[in-house]
């Protein structure tokens, strides 16, 4: 659902990955630099425990106090994430990313066998459906899908839900 807490959930998931592998290397990706700055990292910054990490603007990454790194990248150029070997990847609004980004993100965790976590509203019949949702429906154990309506979030205003039902 829209405004249902997906980005917040992704940020929490990434912090759990860091807490479980403090010296690890991670990747946070978003479809555009604007989205990365205005939504993904904005939410991530809101929940980082004090003192855990500092952001390095030059490298576009967080350096953790334990020696780990979290690279932050846009997938406007899907090949911009080449060369990163990650212990885990979080892709926010991945449904807006091109298929090449999905392929490259999978490659980033191929050596570590790390998890990939995507948060997104479905934006049509793209790779998110054919490569993730359909594989989940086939029962492949590597895939998990959680879907819910905006109204399922206790923070989503009922008035917004009712107006959308009426007007859309």
N, C-alpha and C. Protein backbone atom coordinates (compact mmCIF):
# COMPACT_ATOMS: atom_id res chain seq x y z
N UNK A 1 0.81 -1.20 0.00
CA UNK A 1 0.00 0.00 0.00
C UNK A 1 0.85 1.26 0.00
N UNK A 2 0.28 2.35 -0.45
CA UNK A 2 1.00 3.63 -0.43
C UNK A 2 1.04 4.16 1.00
N UNK A 3 2.13 4.78 1.36
CA UNK A 3 2.30 5.39 2.69
C UNK A 3 1.97 4.41 3.82
N UNK A 4 2.39 3.15 3.62
CA UNK A 4 2.04 2.12 4.61
C UNK A 4 3.22 1.68 5.46
N UNK A 5 4.38 2.29 5.27
CA UNK A 5 5.52 1.96 6.10
C UNK A 5 6.55 1.06 5.46
N UNK A 6 6.51 0.89 4.14
CA UNK A 6 7.46 0.00 3.46
C UNK A 6 8.90 0.48 3.63
N UNK A 7 9.14 1.78 3.41
CA UNK A 7 10.49 2.31 3.52
C UNK A 7 10.99 2.20 4.95
N UNK A 8 10.13 2.47 5.90
CA UNK A 8 10.50 2.31 7.31
C UNK A 8 10.90 0.86 7.58
N UNK A 9 10.11 -0.08 7.08
CA UNK A 9 10.42 -1.50 7.26
C UNK A 9 11.76 -1.87 6.64
N UNK A 10 12.06 -1.32 5.47
CA UNK A 10 13.35 -1.57 4.83
C UNK A 10 14.51 -1.02 5.64
N UNK A 11 14.31 0.17 6.20
CA UNK A 11 15.36 0.79 7.02
C UNK A 11 15.63 -0.05 8.27
N UNK A 12 14.58 -0.52 8.90
CA UNK A 12 14.73 -1.38 10.08
C UNK A 12 15.45 -2.67 9.70
N UNK A 13 15.05 -3.27 8.58
CA UNK A 13 15.68 -4.50 8.11
C UNK A 13 17.18 -4.29 7.90
N UNK A 14 17.55 -3.17 7.26
CA UNK A 14 18.97 -2.91 7.00
C UNK A 14 19.74 -2.74 8.31
N UNK A 15 19.17 -2.03 9.27
CA UNK A 15 19.85 -1.87 10.57
C UNK A 15 20.01 -3.21 11.28
N UNK A 16 19.06 -4.11 11.13
CA UNK A 16 19.20 -5.44 11.71
C UNK A 16 20.34 -6.20 11.05
N UNK A 17 20.48 -6.05 9.74
CA UNK A 17 21.60 -6.68 9.03
C UNK A 17 22.93 -6.16 9.55
N UNK A 18 23.02 -4.85 9.75
CA UNK A 18 24.24 -4.25 10.27
C UNK A 18 24.52 -4.75 11.69
N UNK A 19 23.50 -4.81 12.52
CA UNK A 19 23.66 -5.26 13.90
C UNK A 19 24.14 -6.72 13.95
N UNK A 20 23.72 -7.52 12.98
CA UNK A 20 24.10 -8.94 12.94
C UNK A 20 25.44 -9.18 12.27
N UNK A 21 25.98 -8.18 11.58
CA UNK A 21 27.26 -8.32 10.88
C UNK A 21 27.94 -6.95 10.90
N UNK A 22 28.45 -6.57 12.04
CA UNK A 22 28.91 -5.20 12.26
C UNK A 22 30.07 -4.77 11.37
N UNK A 23 30.85 -5.69 10.86
CA UNK A 23 31.97 -5.34 9.98
C UNK A 23 31.61 -5.56 8.51
N UNK A 24 30.34 -5.82 8.24
CA UNK A 24 29.91 -6.15 6.89
C UNK A 24 29.85 -4.97 5.94
N UNK A 25 29.63 -5.30 4.68
CA UNK A 25 29.45 -4.33 3.61
C UNK A 25 28.03 -4.49 3.07
N UNK A 26 27.33 -3.38 2.95
CA UNK A 26 25.92 -3.41 2.58
C UNK A 26 25.65 -2.41 1.46
N UNK A 27 24.48 -2.55 0.85
CA UNK A 27 24.08 -1.65 -0.22
C UNK A 27 22.63 -1.25 -0.02
N UNK A 28 22.39 0.06 -0.07
CA UNK A 28 21.03 0.60 -0.10
C UNK A 28 20.87 1.24 -1.47
N UNK A 29 19.83 0.85 -2.20
CA UNK A 29 19.60 1.37 -3.54
C UNK A 29 18.19 1.95 -3.66
N UNK A 30 18.06 2.94 -4.52
CA UNK A 30 16.77 3.55 -4.85
C UNK A 30 16.76 3.85 -6.34
N UNK A 31 15.60 4.03 -6.94
CA UNK A 31 15.54 4.21 -8.40
C UNK A 31 16.18 5.50 -8.91
N UNK A 32 16.19 6.56 -8.10
CA UNK A 32 16.78 7.84 -8.51
C UNK A 32 17.53 8.44 -7.33
N UNK A 33 18.44 9.38 -7.65
CA UNK A 33 19.14 10.08 -6.57
C UNK A 33 18.16 10.88 -5.73
N UNK A 34 17.16 11.47 -6.40
CA UNK A 34 16.17 12.26 -5.68
C UNK A 34 15.41 11.39 -4.68
N UNK A 35 14.99 10.21 -5.12
CA UNK A 35 14.28 9.31 -4.21
C UNK A 35 15.21 8.85 -3.07
N UNK A 36 16.43 8.54 -3.41
CA UNK A 36 17.40 8.11 -2.40
C UNK A 36 17.53 9.16 -1.31
N UNK A 37 17.66 10.43 -1.70
CA UNK A 37 17.85 11.52 -0.74
C UNK A 37 16.56 11.90 -0.01
N UNK A 38 15.45 11.99 -0.74
CA UNK A 38 14.22 12.53 -0.17
C UNK A 38 13.35 11.51 0.56
N UNK A 39 13.61 10.25 0.35
CA UNK A 39 12.76 9.24 1.00
C UNK A 39 13.59 8.17 1.69
N UNK A 40 14.37 7.41 0.93
CA UNK A 40 15.07 6.25 1.46
C UNK A 40 16.03 6.63 2.59
N UNK A 41 16.99 7.49 2.30
CA UNK A 41 17.98 7.85 3.32
C UNK A 41 17.40 8.76 4.38
N UNK A 42 16.39 9.53 4.03
CA UNK A 42 15.71 10.36 5.02
C UNK A 42 15.13 9.47 6.12
N UNK A 43 14.45 8.42 5.72
CA UNK A 43 13.87 7.48 6.69
C UNK A 43 14.96 6.72 7.43
N UNK A 44 15.99 6.27 6.70
CA UNK A 44 17.09 5.54 7.32
C UNK A 44 17.76 6.39 8.40
N UNK A 45 18.03 7.65 8.08
CA UNK A 45 18.67 8.56 9.03
C UNK A 45 17.84 8.77 10.30
N UNK A 46 16.53 8.71 10.17
CA UNK A 46 15.65 8.92 11.32
C UNK A 46 15.75 7.82 12.36
N UNK A 47 16.19 6.64 11.94
CA UNK A 47 16.18 5.53 12.89
C UNK A 47 17.57 4.98 13.23
N UNK A 48 18.62 5.55 12.66
CA UNK A 48 19.97 5.10 13.00
C UNK A 48 20.23 5.39 14.48
N UNK A 49 20.60 4.39 15.25
CA UNK A 49 20.94 4.65 16.65
C UNK A 49 22.14 5.62 16.75
N UNK A 50 22.07 6.51 17.69
CA UNK A 50 23.11 7.51 17.88
C UNK A 50 24.48 6.84 18.01
N UNK A 51 25.44 7.35 17.23
CA UNK A 51 26.81 6.88 17.32
C UNK A 51 27.14 5.66 16.49
N UNK A 52 26.18 5.05 15.83
CA UNK A 52 26.46 3.84 15.06
C UNK A 52 27.27 4.09 13.81
N UNK A 53 27.05 5.23 13.14
CA UNK A 53 27.70 5.46 11.85
C UNK A 53 27.68 6.92 11.48
N UNK A 54 28.55 7.25 10.52
CA UNK A 54 28.61 8.59 9.95
C UNK A 54 28.54 8.48 8.44
N UNK A 55 27.90 9.48 7.83
CA UNK A 55 27.76 9.48 6.37
C UNK A 55 28.94 10.20 5.73
N UNK A 56 29.54 9.56 4.72
CA UNK A 56 30.64 10.13 3.95
C UNK A 56 30.07 10.55 2.59
N UNK A 57 29.90 11.86 2.38
CA UNK A 57 29.29 12.35 1.14
C UNK A 57 30.14 12.05 -0.09
N UNK A 58 31.45 12.08 0.05
CA UNK A 58 32.33 11.85 -1.09
C UNK A 58 32.17 10.42 -1.61
N UNK A 59 32.15 9.44 -0.70
CA UNK A 59 32.00 8.04 -1.10
C UNK A 59 30.54 7.61 -1.23
N UNK A 60 29.62 8.48 -0.78
CA UNK A 60 28.20 8.16 -0.76
C UNK A 60 27.95 6.85 0.00
N UNK A 61 28.48 6.84 1.22
CA UNK A 61 28.31 5.65 2.05
C UNK A 61 28.37 6.03 3.53
N UNK A 62 27.81 5.14 4.33
CA UNK A 62 27.92 5.25 5.78
C UNK A 62 29.10 4.39 6.21
N UNK A 63 29.90 4.89 7.13
CA UNK A 63 30.96 4.11 7.76
C UNK A 63 30.52 3.83 9.19
N UNK A 64 30.45 2.56 9.55
CA UNK A 64 30.00 2.22 10.90
C UNK A 64 31.17 2.30 11.87
N UNK A 65 30.86 2.41 13.14
CA UNK A 65 31.91 2.49 14.16
C UNK A 65 32.67 1.18 14.28
N UNK A 66 32.15 0.11 13.72
CA UNK A 66 32.79 -1.21 13.81
C UNK A 66 33.65 -1.52 12.59
N UNK A 67 33.65 -0.63 11.60
CA UNK A 67 34.45 -0.86 10.40
C UNK A 67 33.64 -1.32 9.20
N UNK A 68 32.34 -1.40 9.33
CA UNK A 68 31.49 -1.78 8.20
C UNK A 68 31.16 -0.59 7.31
N UNK A 69 30.58 -0.87 6.15
CA UNK A 69 30.20 0.16 5.20
C UNK A 69 28.81 -0.13 4.66
N UNK A 70 28.06 0.95 4.41
CA UNK A 70 26.78 0.84 3.72
C UNK A 70 26.84 1.80 2.53
N UNK A 71 27.00 1.24 1.34
CA UNK A 71 27.02 2.05 0.13
C UNK A 71 25.59 2.45 -0.23
N UNK A 72 25.41 3.68 -0.70
CA UNK A 72 24.11 4.22 -1.07
C UNK A 72 24.15 4.62 -2.53
N UNK A 73 23.31 3.98 -3.33
CA UNK A 73 23.38 4.21 -4.77
C UNK A 73 22.00 4.34 -5.40
N UNK A 74 21.96 5.15 -6.45
CA UNK A 74 20.80 5.22 -7.33
C UNK A 74 20.99 4.17 -8.41
N UNK A 75 19.88 3.66 -8.94
CA UNK A 75 19.99 2.72 -10.05
C UNK A 75 19.60 3.38 -11.37
N UNK A 76 19.67 4.73 -11.43
CA UNK A 76 19.45 5.42 -12.71
C UNK A 76 20.41 4.87 -13.75
N UNK A 77 21.64 4.62 -13.32
CA UNK A 77 22.61 3.86 -14.12
C UNK A 77 22.78 2.54 -13.37
N UNK A 78 22.11 1.49 -13.83
CA UNK A 78 22.15 0.22 -13.10
C UNK A 78 23.55 -0.35 -12.90
N UNK A 79 24.49 0.07 -13.74
CA UNK A 79 25.86 -0.44 -13.62
C UNK A 79 26.67 0.32 -12.58
N UNK A 80 26.08 1.34 -11.96
CA UNK A 80 26.81 2.13 -10.95
C UNK A 80 27.09 1.33 -9.68
N UNK A 81 26.43 0.20 -9.52
CA UNK A 81 26.67 -0.62 -8.33
C UNK A 81 27.67 -1.74 -8.58
N UNK A 82 28.18 -1.81 -9.81
CA UNK A 82 29.20 -2.82 -10.14
C UNK A 82 30.39 -2.69 -9.20
N UNK A 83 30.99 -3.80 -8.86
CA UNK A 83 32.21 -3.79 -8.05
C UNK A 83 31.97 -3.88 -6.56
N UNK A 84 30.74 -3.68 -6.12
CA UNK A 84 30.44 -3.78 -4.69
C UNK A 84 30.11 -5.24 -4.38
N UNK A 85 30.79 -5.80 -3.40
CA UNK A 85 30.43 -7.12 -2.90
C UNK A 85 29.74 -6.90 -1.56
N UNK A 86 28.46 -7.23 -1.49
CA UNK A 86 27.66 -6.88 -0.32
C UNK A 86 27.20 -8.11 0.46
N UNK A 87 27.05 -7.90 1.75
CA UNK A 87 26.49 -8.94 2.62
C UNK A 87 24.97 -8.91 2.61
N UNK A 88 24.38 -7.78 2.20
CA UNK A 88 22.93 -7.65 2.09
C UNK A 88 22.62 -6.41 1.25
N UNK A 89 21.49 -6.45 0.55
CA UNK A 89 21.04 -5.32 -0.27
C UNK A 89 19.60 -5.00 0.09
N UNK A 90 19.33 -3.70 0.26
CA UNK A 90 17.95 -3.21 0.40
C UNK A 90 17.68 -2.30 -0.79
N UNK A 91 16.65 -2.62 -1.56
CA UNK A 91 16.25 -1.82 -2.72
C UNK A 91 14.89 -1.20 -2.43
N UNK A 92 14.88 0.11 -2.22
CA UNK A 92 13.64 0.82 -1.93
C UNK A 92 12.97 1.26 -3.24
N UNK A 93 11.67 1.07 -3.33
CA UNK A 93 10.89 1.33 -4.55
C UNK A 93 11.51 0.62 -5.74
N UNK A 94 11.83 -0.66 -5.52
CA UNK A 94 12.50 -1.45 -6.55
C UNK A 94 11.63 -1.65 -7.79
N UNK A 95 10.32 -1.55 -7.65
CA UNK A 95 9.44 -1.70 -8.80
C UNK A 95 9.64 -0.63 -9.85
N UNK A 96 10.31 0.46 -9.49
CA UNK A 96 10.62 1.53 -10.45
C UNK A 96 12.00 1.36 -11.08
N UNK A 97 12.72 0.35 -10.65
CA UNK A 97 14.07 0.12 -11.17
C UNK A 97 14.02 -0.76 -12.42
N UNK A 98 15.01 -0.60 -13.30
CA UNK A 98 15.05 -1.47 -14.48
C UNK A 98 15.52 -2.88 -14.12
N UNK A 99 15.20 -3.82 -14.99
CA UNK A 99 15.61 -5.22 -14.79
C UNK A 99 17.12 -5.32 -14.58
N UNK A 100 17.90 -4.54 -15.30
CA UNK A 100 19.37 -4.60 -15.16
C UNK A 100 19.80 -4.29 -13.73
N UNK A 101 19.07 -3.43 -13.04
CA UNK A 101 19.39 -3.12 -11.64
C UNK A 101 19.17 -4.36 -10.77
N UNK A 102 18.07 -5.06 -10.98
CA UNK A 102 17.79 -6.30 -10.25
C UNK A 102 18.91 -7.31 -10.48
N UNK A 103 19.32 -7.46 -11.73
CA UNK A 103 20.39 -8.41 -12.05
C UNK A 103 21.69 -8.01 -11.35
N UNK A 104 22.02 -6.73 -11.38
CA UNK A 104 23.25 -6.26 -10.72
C UNK A 104 23.17 -6.39 -9.21
N UNK A 105 22.01 -6.14 -8.63
CA UNK A 105 21.88 -6.28 -7.17
C UNK A 105 22.04 -7.74 -6.76
N UNK A 106 21.51 -8.65 -7.56
CA UNK A 106 21.69 -10.08 -7.28
C UNK A 106 23.17 -10.45 -7.34
N UNK A 107 23.88 -9.87 -8.29
CA UNK A 107 25.32 -10.14 -8.41
C UNK A 107 26.09 -9.61 -7.21
N UNK A 108 25.63 -8.52 -6.61
CA UNK A 108 26.34 -7.92 -5.47
C UNK A 108 26.35 -8.85 -4.26
N UNK A 109 25.35 -9.72 -4.12
CA UNK A 109 25.29 -10.64 -2.98
C UNK A 109 25.58 -12.09 -3.39
N UNK A 110 26.03 -12.30 -4.63
CA UNK A 110 26.26 -13.67 -5.11
C UNK A 110 27.41 -14.36 -4.38
N UNK A 111 28.48 -13.65 -4.07
CA UNK A 111 29.62 -14.26 -3.37
C UNK A 111 29.34 -14.52 -1.90
N UNK A 112 28.56 -13.66 -1.29
CA UNK A 112 28.29 -13.78 0.15
C UNK A 112 27.04 -14.60 0.44
N UNK A 113 26.27 -14.90 -0.60
CA UNK A 113 24.96 -15.55 -0.45
C UNK A 113 24.05 -14.73 0.46
N UNK A 114 24.25 -13.42 0.41
CA UNK A 114 23.49 -12.51 1.26
C UNK A 114 22.07 -12.30 0.76
N UNK A 115 21.22 -11.79 1.64
CA UNK A 115 19.83 -11.55 1.28
C UNK A 115 19.65 -10.24 0.51
N UNK A 116 18.58 -10.20 -0.25
CA UNK A 116 18.14 -9.01 -0.97
C UNK A 116 16.73 -8.72 -0.47
N UNK A 117 16.48 -7.48 -0.09
CA UNK A 117 15.18 -7.07 0.44
C UNK A 117 14.67 -5.90 -0.38
N UNK A 118 13.53 -6.07 -1.01
CA UNK A 118 12.94 -5.00 -1.81
C UNK A 118 11.67 -4.49 -1.19
N UNK A 119 11.52 -3.17 -1.18
CA UNK A 119 10.29 -2.54 -0.72
C UNK A 119 9.74 -1.75 -1.89
N UNK A 120 8.46 -1.95 -2.20
CA UNK A 120 7.91 -1.28 -3.36
C UNK A 120 6.40 -1.41 -3.44
N UNK A 121 5.81 -0.45 -4.08
CA UNK A 121 4.46 -0.59 -4.59
C UNK A 121 4.61 -1.25 -5.94
N UNK A 122 3.75 -2.19 -6.32
CA UNK A 122 3.87 -2.75 -7.67
C UNK A 122 3.46 -1.70 -8.71
N UNK A 123 4.29 -1.54 -9.73
CA UNK A 123 4.04 -0.51 -10.74
C UNK A 123 3.66 -1.09 -12.10
N UNK A 124 3.18 -2.29 -12.13
CA UNK A 124 2.78 -2.89 -13.40
C UNK A 124 3.37 -4.27 -13.55
N UNK A 125 3.30 -4.77 -14.75
CA UNK A 125 3.75 -6.13 -15.03
C UNK A 125 5.21 -6.13 -15.48
N UNK A 126 6.10 -5.71 -14.61
CA UNK A 126 7.51 -5.66 -14.94
C UNK A 126 8.25 -6.82 -14.27
N UNK A 127 9.56 -6.72 -14.17
CA UNK A 127 10.38 -7.78 -13.59
C UNK A 127 10.01 -8.08 -12.14
N UNK A 128 9.48 -7.11 -11.43
CA UNK A 128 9.08 -7.35 -10.04
C UNK A 128 8.04 -8.47 -9.99
N UNK A 129 7.15 -8.49 -10.96
CA UNK A 129 6.18 -9.57 -11.02
C UNK A 129 6.80 -10.85 -11.58
N UNK A 130 7.48 -10.75 -12.73
CA UNK A 130 7.95 -11.96 -13.40
C UNK A 130 9.13 -12.62 -12.70
N UNK A 131 10.00 -11.84 -12.06
CA UNK A 131 11.20 -12.40 -11.45
C UNK A 131 11.07 -12.63 -9.94
N UNK A 132 10.17 -11.94 -9.29
CA UNK A 132 10.01 -12.13 -7.85
C UNK A 132 8.66 -12.76 -7.52
N UNK A 133 7.61 -12.03 -7.83
CA UNK A 133 6.28 -12.50 -7.44
C UNK A 133 5.96 -13.87 -8.04
N UNK A 134 6.20 -14.04 -9.34
CA UNK A 134 5.90 -15.32 -9.98
C UNK A 134 6.75 -16.45 -9.40
N UNK A 135 8.02 -16.18 -9.08
CA UNK A 135 8.87 -17.21 -8.47
C UNK A 135 8.39 -17.55 -7.06
N UNK A 136 7.90 -16.57 -6.34
CA UNK A 136 7.31 -16.83 -5.02
C UNK A 136 6.07 -17.70 -5.17
N UNK A 137 5.23 -17.37 -6.16
CA UNK A 137 4.01 -18.16 -6.39
C UNK A 137 4.34 -19.60 -6.77
N UNK A 138 5.48 -19.80 -7.43
CA UNK A 138 5.91 -21.15 -7.81
C UNK A 138 6.43 -21.93 -6.60
N UNK A 139 6.62 -21.24 -5.49
CA UNK A 139 7.08 -21.92 -4.28
C UNK A 139 8.58 -21.97 -4.11
N UNK A 140 9.32 -21.21 -4.89
CA UNK A 140 10.78 -21.21 -4.75
C UNK A 140 11.14 -20.69 -3.36
N UNK A 141 11.93 -21.45 -2.62
CA UNK A 141 12.20 -21.10 -1.21
C UNK A 141 13.01 -19.81 -1.02
N UNK A 142 13.70 -19.34 -2.06
CA UNK A 142 14.49 -18.11 -1.94
C UNK A 142 13.64 -16.85 -1.96
N UNK A 143 12.35 -16.99 -2.26
CA UNK A 143 11.49 -15.83 -2.44
C UNK A 143 10.40 -15.78 -1.38
N UNK A 144 10.17 -14.58 -0.89
CA UNK A 144 9.10 -14.32 0.06
C UNK A 144 8.44 -13.02 -0.34
N UNK A 145 7.15 -12.97 -0.30
CA UNK A 145 6.41 -11.76 -0.64
C UNK A 145 5.44 -11.45 0.48
N UNK A 146 5.42 -10.20 0.88
CA UNK A 146 4.43 -9.71 1.85
C UNK A 146 3.68 -8.60 1.15
N UNK A 147 2.38 -8.73 1.07
CA UNK A 147 1.61 -7.64 0.47
C UNK A 147 0.47 -7.27 1.40
N UNK A 148 0.17 -5.99 1.39
CA UNK A 148 -0.88 -5.47 2.27
C UNK A 148 -1.39 -4.15 1.73
N UNK A 149 -2.55 -3.77 2.21
CA UNK A 149 -3.17 -2.51 1.81
C UNK A 149 -2.68 -1.39 2.72
N UNK A 150 -2.76 -0.18 2.23
CA UNK A 150 -2.40 0.99 3.04
C UNK A 150 -3.17 0.97 4.36
N UNK A 151 -4.41 0.59 4.29
CA UNK A 151 -5.28 0.61 5.47
C UNK A 151 -4.83 -0.39 6.54
N UNK A 152 -4.01 -1.36 6.15
CA UNK A 152 -3.50 -2.32 7.13
C UNK A 152 -2.50 -1.69 8.09
N UNK A 153 -1.96 -0.54 7.72
CA UNK A 153 -1.04 0.17 8.61
C UNK A 153 -1.84 0.94 9.66
N UNK A 154 -1.47 0.80 10.93
CA UNK A 154 -2.19 1.55 11.97
C UNK A 154 -1.95 3.05 11.89
N UNK A 155 -0.98 3.47 11.09
CA UNK A 155 -0.65 4.90 10.96
C UNK A 155 -1.32 5.56 9.76
N UNK A 156 -1.96 4.77 8.91
CA UNK A 156 -2.58 5.33 7.71
C UNK A 156 -3.97 5.86 8.08
N UNK A 157 -4.26 7.13 7.79
CA UNK A 157 -5.55 7.71 8.17
C UNK A 157 -6.73 7.06 7.44
N UNK A 158 -7.71 6.67 8.19
CA UNK A 158 -8.91 6.05 7.61
C UNK A 158 -9.59 7.01 6.63
N UNK A 159 -9.52 8.30 6.91
CA UNK A 159 -10.14 9.30 6.03
C UNK A 159 -9.53 9.27 4.63
N UNK A 160 -8.22 9.09 4.55
CA UNK A 160 -7.54 9.01 3.25
C UNK A 160 -7.99 7.77 2.49
N UNK A 161 -8.13 6.67 3.20
CA UNK A 161 -8.58 5.42 2.59
C UNK A 161 -9.99 5.57 2.04
N UNK A 162 -10.86 6.15 2.83
CA UNK A 162 -12.25 6.33 2.40
C UNK A 162 -12.34 7.28 1.20
N UNK A 163 -11.57 8.37 1.22
CA UNK A 163 -11.58 9.31 0.09
C UNK A 163 -11.07 8.61 -1.17
N UNK A 164 -10.00 7.83 -1.07
CA UNK A 164 -9.47 7.13 -2.24
C UNK A 164 -10.48 6.13 -2.78
N UNK A 165 -11.14 5.41 -1.91
CA UNK A 165 -12.17 4.45 -2.36
C UNK A 165 -13.29 5.18 -3.10
N UNK A 166 -13.66 6.35 -2.61
CA UNK A 166 -14.75 7.12 -3.21
C UNK A 166 -14.33 7.71 -4.56
N UNK A 167 -13.12 8.25 -4.62
CA UNK A 167 -12.71 9.05 -5.78
C UNK A 167 -11.97 8.26 -6.87
N UNK A 168 -11.44 7.10 -6.56
CA UNK A 168 -10.61 6.43 -7.57
C UNK A 168 -11.38 5.29 -8.23
